C-alpha atoms as a PDB file:
ATOM      1  CA  MET A   1     -29.719 -34.833 -52.757  1.00  0.00           C
ATOM      2  CA  GLY A   2     -26.547 -32.824 -53.298  1.00  0.00           C
ATOM      3  CA  SER A   3     -23.055 -34.204 -52.928  1.00  0.00           C
ATOM      4  CA  HIS A   4     -21.203 -31.206 -51.577  1.00  0.00           C
ATOM      5  CA  MET A   5     -19.717 -31.066 -48.099  1.00  0.00           C
ATOM      6  CA  THR A   6     -18.924 -28.044 -46.011  1.00  0.00           C
ATOM      7  CA  HIS A   7     -15.233 -27.386 -45.536  1.00  0.00           C
ATOM      8  CA  TYR A   8     -15.734 -28.467 -41.904  1.00  0.00           C
ATOM      9  CA  MET A   9     -17.004 -31.899 -42.939  1.00  0.00           C
ATOM     10  CA  ALA A  10     -14.433 -32.233 -45.734  1.00  0.00           C
ATOM     11  CA  LEU A  11     -11.682 -31.604 -43.176  1.00  0.00           C
ATOM     12  CA  LEU A  12     -13.007 -34.329 -40.884  1.00  0.00           C
ATOM     13  CA  ALA A  13     -13.618 -36.773 -43.751  1.00  0.00           C
ATOM     14  CA  GLY A  14     -10.172 -36.298 -45.320  1.00  0.00           C
ATOM     15  CA  ASN A  15      -6.987 -38.145 -44.365  1.00  0.00           C
ATOM     16  CA  GLN A  16      -8.900 -40.811 -42.414  1.00  0.00           C
ATOM     17  CA  PRO A  17      -8.682 -41.473 -39.541  1.00  0.00           C
ATOM     18  CA  TRP A  18      -6.125 -38.813 -38.613  1.00  0.00           C
ATOM     19  CA  ASN A  19      -8.091 -35.625 -39.295  1.00  0.00           C
ATOM     20  CA  LEU A  20     -11.053 -36.985 -37.371  1.00  0.00           C
ATOM     21  CA  ILE A  21      -8.800 -37.825 -34.421  1.00  0.00           C
ATOM     22  CA  ILE A  22      -6.805 -34.557 -34.523  1.00  0.00           C
ATOM     23  CA  PHE A  23      -9.613 -32.078 -35.175  1.00  0.00           C
ATOM     24  CA  MET A  24     -12.601 -33.789 -33.526  1.00  0.00           C
ATOM     25  CA  ALA A  25     -11.826 -36.711 -31.232  1.00  0.00           C
ATOM     26  CA  ILE A  26      -9.043 -35.183 -29.132  1.00  0.00           C
ATOM     27  CA  PRO A  27     -10.776 -31.820 -28.460  1.00  0.00           C
ATOM     28  CA  VAL A  28     -14.186 -33.427 -27.817  1.00  0.00           C
ATOM     29  CA  ILE A  29     -12.832 -36.195 -25.564  1.00  0.00           C
ATOM     30  CA  CYS A  30     -10.936 -33.553 -23.592  1.00  0.00           C
ATOM     31  CA  ALA A  31     -14.039 -31.333 -23.332  1.00  0.00           C
ATOM     32  CA  GLU A  32     -16.136 -34.296 -22.198  1.00  0.00           C
ATOM     33  CA  THR A  33     -13.498 -35.253 -19.630  1.00  0.00           C
ATOM     34  CA  ILE A  34     -13.515 -31.680 -18.323  1.00  0.00           C
ATOM     35  CA  ALA A  35     -17.338 -31.564 -18.217  1.00  0.00           C
ATOM     36  CA  ILE A  36     -17.679 -34.902 -16.406  1.00  0.00           C
ATOM     37  CA  THR A  37     -14.945 -34.183 -13.858  1.00  0.00           C
ATOM     38  CA  GLU A  38     -16.368 -30.697 -13.359  1.00  0.00           C
ATOM     39  CA  LEU A  39     -19.793 -32.113 -12.514  1.00  0.00           C
ATOM     40  CA  ALA A  40     -18.220 -34.487  -9.994  1.00  0.00           C
ATOM     41  CA  ILE A  41     -16.203 -31.637  -8.478  1.00  0.00           C
ATOM     42  CA  LEU A  42     -19.305 -29.449  -8.219  1.00  0.00           C
ATOM     43  CA  PHE A  43     -21.290 -32.271  -6.561  1.00  0.00           C
ATOM     44  CA  THR A  44     -18.568 -33.355  -4.128  1.00  0.00           C
ATOM     45  CA  ARG A  45     -17.172 -29.845  -3.493  1.00  0.00           C
ATOM     46  CA  ASN A  46     -13.735 -31.476  -3.383  1.00  0.00           C
ATOM     47  CA  LEU A  47     -11.733 -28.637  -4.954  1.00  0.00           C
ATOM     48  CA  ASN A  48      -8.326 -30.251  -4.349  1.00  0.00           C
ATOM     49  CA  GLY A  49      -8.789 -33.957  -5.099  1.00  0.00           C
ATOM     50  CA  THR A  50      -7.636 -36.193  -7.930  1.00  0.00           C
ATOM     51  CA  LEU A  51     -10.582 -35.249 -10.152  1.00  0.00           C
ATOM     52  CA  ARG A  52      -9.648 -31.569  -9.909  1.00  0.00           C
ATOM     53  CA  LYS A  53      -6.041 -32.409 -10.804  1.00  0.00           C
ATOM     54  CA  VAL A  54      -7.200 -34.387 -13.853  1.00  0.00           C
ATOM     55  CA  ASN A  55      -9.615 -31.575 -14.742  1.00  0.00           C
ATOM     56  CA  ARG A  56      -6.845 -28.960 -14.494  1.00  0.00           C
ATOM     57  CA  ALA A  57      -4.305 -31.007 -16.490  1.00  0.00           C
ATOM     58  CA  VAL A  58      -6.776 -31.777 -19.296  1.00  0.00           C
ATOM     59  CA  SER A  59      -7.952 -28.144 -19.333  1.00  0.00           C
ATOM     60  CA  ILE A  60      -4.453 -26.763 -19.779  1.00  0.00           C
ATOM     61  CA  PHE A  61      -3.597 -29.433 -22.379  1.00  0.00           C
ATOM     62  CA  VAL A  62      -6.703 -28.864 -24.535  1.00  0.00           C
ATOM     63  CA  GLY A  63      -6.318 -25.070 -24.367  1.00  0.00           C
ATOM     64  CA  LEU A  64      -2.782 -25.284 -25.706  1.00  0.00           C
ATOM     65  CA  TYR A  65      -3.662 -28.060 -28.169  1.00  0.00           C
ATOM     66  CA  PHE A  66      -6.627 -26.170 -29.614  1.00  0.00           C
ATOM     67  CA  THR A  67      -4.550 -23.001 -29.862  1.00  0.00           C
ATOM     68  CA  GLY A  68      -2.315 -24.926 -32.273  1.00  0.00           C
ATOM     69  CA  ILE A  69      -5.346 -26.155 -34.240  1.00  0.00           C
ATOM     70  CA  PHE A  70      -6.786 -22.633 -34.327  1.00  0.00           C
ATOM     71  CA  ILE A  71      -3.571 -21.091 -35.689  1.00  0.00           C
ATOM     72  CA  TYR A  72      -3.164 -23.910 -38.224  1.00  0.00           C
ATOM     73  CA  LEU A  73      -6.748 -23.741 -39.565  1.00  0.00           C
ATOM     74  CA  LEU A  74      -6.890 -19.948 -39.499  1.00  0.00           C
ATOM     75  CA  THR A  75      -3.783 -19.695 -41.666  1.00  0.00           C
ATOM     76  CA  THR A  76      -4.306 -22.727 -43.936  1.00  0.00           C
ATOM     77  CA  ALA A  77      -8.105 -22.699 -44.339  1.00  0.00           C
ATOM     78  CA  PHE A  78     -10.105 -19.739 -43.024  1.00  0.00           C
ATOM     79  CA  ILE A  79      -7.956 -16.894 -44.384  1.00  0.00           C
ATOM     80  CA  PRO A  80      -7.271 -18.540 -47.792  1.00  0.00           C
ATOM     81  CA  LEU A  81     -10.957 -19.485 -48.245  1.00  0.00           C
ATOM     82  CA  THR A  82     -11.931 -15.899 -47.475  1.00  0.00           C
ATOM     83  CA  ILE A  83      -9.267 -14.275 -49.667  1.00  0.00           C
ATOM     84  CA  HIS A  84     -10.054 -16.534 -52.635  1.00  0.00           C
ATOM     85  CA  GLY A  85     -13.848 -16.444 -52.200  1.00  0.00           C
ATOM     86  CA  GLN A  86     -14.099 -20.229 -51.926  1.00  0.00           C
ATOM     87  CA  TRP A  87     -16.777 -20.487 -49.237  1.00  0.00           C
ATOM     88  CA  MET A  88     -19.791 -22.587 -50.203  1.00  0.00           C
ATOM     89  CA  GLY A  89     -22.388 -20.228 -48.774  1.00  0.00           C
ATOM     90  CA  TRP A  90     -23.224 -18.976 -45.303  1.00  0.00           C
ATOM     91  CA  ILE A  91     -23.714 -22.482 -43.846  1.00  0.00           C
ATOM     92  CA  ASP A  92     -20.080 -23.273 -44.648  1.00  0.00           C
ATOM     93  CA  VAL A  93     -18.896 -20.031 -43.014  1.00  0.00           C
ATOM     94  CA  VAL A  94     -20.997 -20.683 -39.881  1.00  0.00           C
ATOM     95  CA  ALA A  95     -19.672 -24.241 -39.480  1.00  0.00           C
ATOM     96  CA  VAL A  96     -16.000 -23.290 -39.745  1.00  0.00           C
ATOM     97  CA  THR A  97     -16.339 -20.039 -37.776  1.00  0.00           C
ATOM     98  CA  PHE A  98     -18.122 -21.692 -34.844  1.00  0.00           C
ATOM     99  CA  TYR A  99     -15.517 -24.457 -34.796  1.00  0.00           C
ATOM    100  CA  LEU A 100     -12.721 -21.873 -34.670  1.00  0.00           C
ATOM    101  CA  LEU A 101     -14.563 -19.853 -31.991  1.00  0.00           C
ATOM    102  CA  GLY A 102     -13.912 -22.837 -29.716  1.00  0.00           C
ATOM    103  CA  ILE A 103     -10.568 -21.146 -29.067  1.00  0.00           C
ATOM    104  CA  VAL A 104     -12.272 -18.635 -26.760  1.00  0.00           C
ATOM    105  CA  PRO A 105     -13.568 -21.086 -24.131  1.00  0.00           C
ATOM    106  CA  LEU A 106     -10.778 -23.665 -24.520  1.00  0.00           C
ATOM    107  CA  LEU A 107      -7.977 -21.137 -24.196  1.00  0.00           C
ATOM    108  CA  GLY A 108      -9.999 -19.431 -21.455  1.00  0.00           C
ATOM    109  CA  ILE A 109     -10.148 -22.683 -19.484  1.00  0.00           C
ATOM    110  CA  ALA A 110      -6.385 -23.135 -19.842  1.00  0.00           C
ATOM    111  CA  LEU A 111      -5.705 -19.543 -18.764  1.00  0.00           C
ATOM    112  CA  VAL A 112      -7.955 -19.904 -15.694  1.00  0.00           C
ATOM    113  CA  ASP A 113      -6.306 -23.181 -14.661  1.00  0.00           C
ATOM    114  CA  SER A 114      -2.829 -21.772 -15.287  1.00  0.00           C
ATOM    115  CA  LYS A 115      -3.870 -18.829 -13.085  1.00  0.00           C
ATOM    116  CA  ILE A 116      -2.906 -16.405 -15.851  1.00  0.00           C
ATOM    117  CA  ILE A 117      -6.399 -14.919 -15.590  1.00  0.00           C
ATOM    118  CA  TYR A 118      -8.642 -14.881 -12.500  1.00  0.00           C
ATOM    119  CA  ARG A 119      -5.489 -15.378 -10.399  1.00  0.00           C
ATOM    120  CA  ASN A 120      -6.771 -13.426  -7.377  1.00  0.00           C
ATOM    121  CA  LYS A 121     -10.170 -15.138  -7.290  1.00  0.00           C
ATOM    122  CA  THR A 122     -11.193 -18.000  -5.024  1.00  0.00           C
ATOM    123  CA  GLU A 123     -11.082 -21.566  -6.316  1.00  0.00           C
ATOM    124  CA  GLU A 124     -14.889 -21.558  -6.396  1.00  0.00           C
ATOM    125  CA  GLU A 125     -14.995 -18.329  -8.461  1.00  0.00           C
ATOM    126  CA  ARG A 126     -12.481 -19.811 -10.906  1.00  0.00           C
ATOM    127  CA  LEU A 127     -14.565 -22.990 -11.118  1.00  0.00           C
ATOM    128  CA  LYS A 128     -17.684 -20.959 -11.969  1.00  0.00           C
ATOM    129  CA  LEU A 129     -15.878 -19.251 -14.875  1.00  0.00           C
ATOM    130  CA  HIS A 130     -14.421 -22.628 -15.843  1.00  0.00           C
ATOM    131  CA  ALA A 131     -17.916 -24.189 -15.967  1.00  0.00           C
ATOM    132  CA  THR A 132     -19.162 -21.237 -18.051  1.00  0.00           C
ATOM    133  CA  PHE A 133     -16.345 -21.791 -20.536  1.00  0.00           C
ATOM    134  CA  VAL A 134     -17.171 -25.529 -20.708  1.00  0.00           C
ATOM    135  CA  GLY A 135     -20.811 -24.719 -21.492  1.00  0.00           C
ATOM    136  CA  LEU A 136     -19.795 -22.171 -24.115  1.00  0.00           C
ATOM    137  CA  PHE A 137     -17.507 -24.692 -25.810  1.00  0.00           C
ATOM    138  CA  LEU A 138     -20.295 -27.275 -25.903  1.00  0.00           C
ATOM    139  CA  VAL A 139     -22.663 -24.781 -27.556  1.00  0.00           C
ATOM    140  CA  LEU A 140     -20.080 -23.583 -30.106  1.00  0.00           C
ATOM    141  CA  SER A 141     -18.926 -27.081 -31.024  1.00  0.00           C
ATOM    142  CA  HIS A 142     -22.467 -28.369 -31.437  1.00  0.00           C
ATOM    143  CA  VAL A 143     -23.426 -25.447 -33.675  1.00  0.00           C
ATOM    144  CA  ALA A 144     -20.308 -26.171 -35.764  1.00  0.00           C
ATOM    145  CA  MET A 145     -21.181 -29.878 -35.982  1.00  0.00           C
ATOM    146  CA  ILE A 146     -24.816 -29.303 -36.906  1.00  0.00           C
ATOM    147  CA  PHE A 147     -24.081 -26.713 -39.582  1.00  0.00           C
ATOM    148  CA  GLY A 148     -21.037 -28.689 -40.719  1.00  0.00           C
ATOM    149  CA  MET A 149     -23.193 -31.709 -41.548  1.00  0.00           C
ATOM    150  CA  VAL A 150     -25.566 -29.765 -43.795  1.00  0.00           C
ATOM    151  CA  ASP A 151     -25.021 -30.174 -47.518  1.00  0.00           C
ATOM    152  CA  PRO A 152     -24.316 -26.551 -48.517  1.00  0.00           C
ATOM    153  CA  SER A 153     -25.799 -27.116 -51.985  1.00  0.00           C
ATOM    154  CA  LEU A 154     -29.231 -27.603 -50.357  1.00  0.00           C
ATOM    155  CA  ILE A 155     -29.038 -24.202 -48.725  1.00  0.00           C
ATOM    156  CA  MET A 156     -27.636 -22.572 -51.838  1.00  0.00           C
ATOM    157  CA  SER A 157     -30.462 -24.136 -53.909  1.00  0.00           C
ATOM    158  CA  ALA A 158     -33.083 -23.099 -51.380  1.00  0.00           C
ATOM    159  CA  SER A 159     -31.777 -19.553 -51.220  1.00  0.00           C
ATOM    160  CA  MET A 160     -31.930 -19.329 -55.025  1.00  0.00           C
ATOM    161  CA  GLY A 161     -35.591 -20.416 -55.100  1.00  0.00           C
ATOM    162  CA  ASN A 162     -34.955 -24.009 -56.253  1.00  0.00           C
ATOM    163  CA  MET A 163     -36.410 -25.734 -53.212  1.00  0.00           C
ATOM    164  CA  LYS A 164     -36.530 -29.495 -53.770  1.00  0.00           C
ATOM    165  CA  MET A 165     -39.108 -31.637 -52.028  1.00  0.00           C
END
């Protein structure tokens, strides 16, 4: 078994426990809070209650928070790794890229709840887009996690014909 980690996993494993909290725990806890409150809102149809206020506040917070993470990792990791050819194969690129693509739904959620986009839509129409963004974030983040946990040396070995059983 190889000993290499993707850059995604190395980021989370480094500077314990802070990187794990900053890059994984805070965004995921926020996304889970949004998903759970969203389900309750959809079931109760209470579009103006406390759960919706919590949902909106967390949505705006995580959109802004993840925008900071996105800018930081794009400039300190993604661009330098690309310029210097330091990726450890396509698995590594997929893990980091899908993590960074989380900016699309998380910023989207914040923009919807700030009424910067979808301003002239009904609350229910905004909630539908909101729920779509939540689902998209869950898919992107899970793809990043799954690929991020793969030892890239296994894939590099397999792609070079050195499959180990």
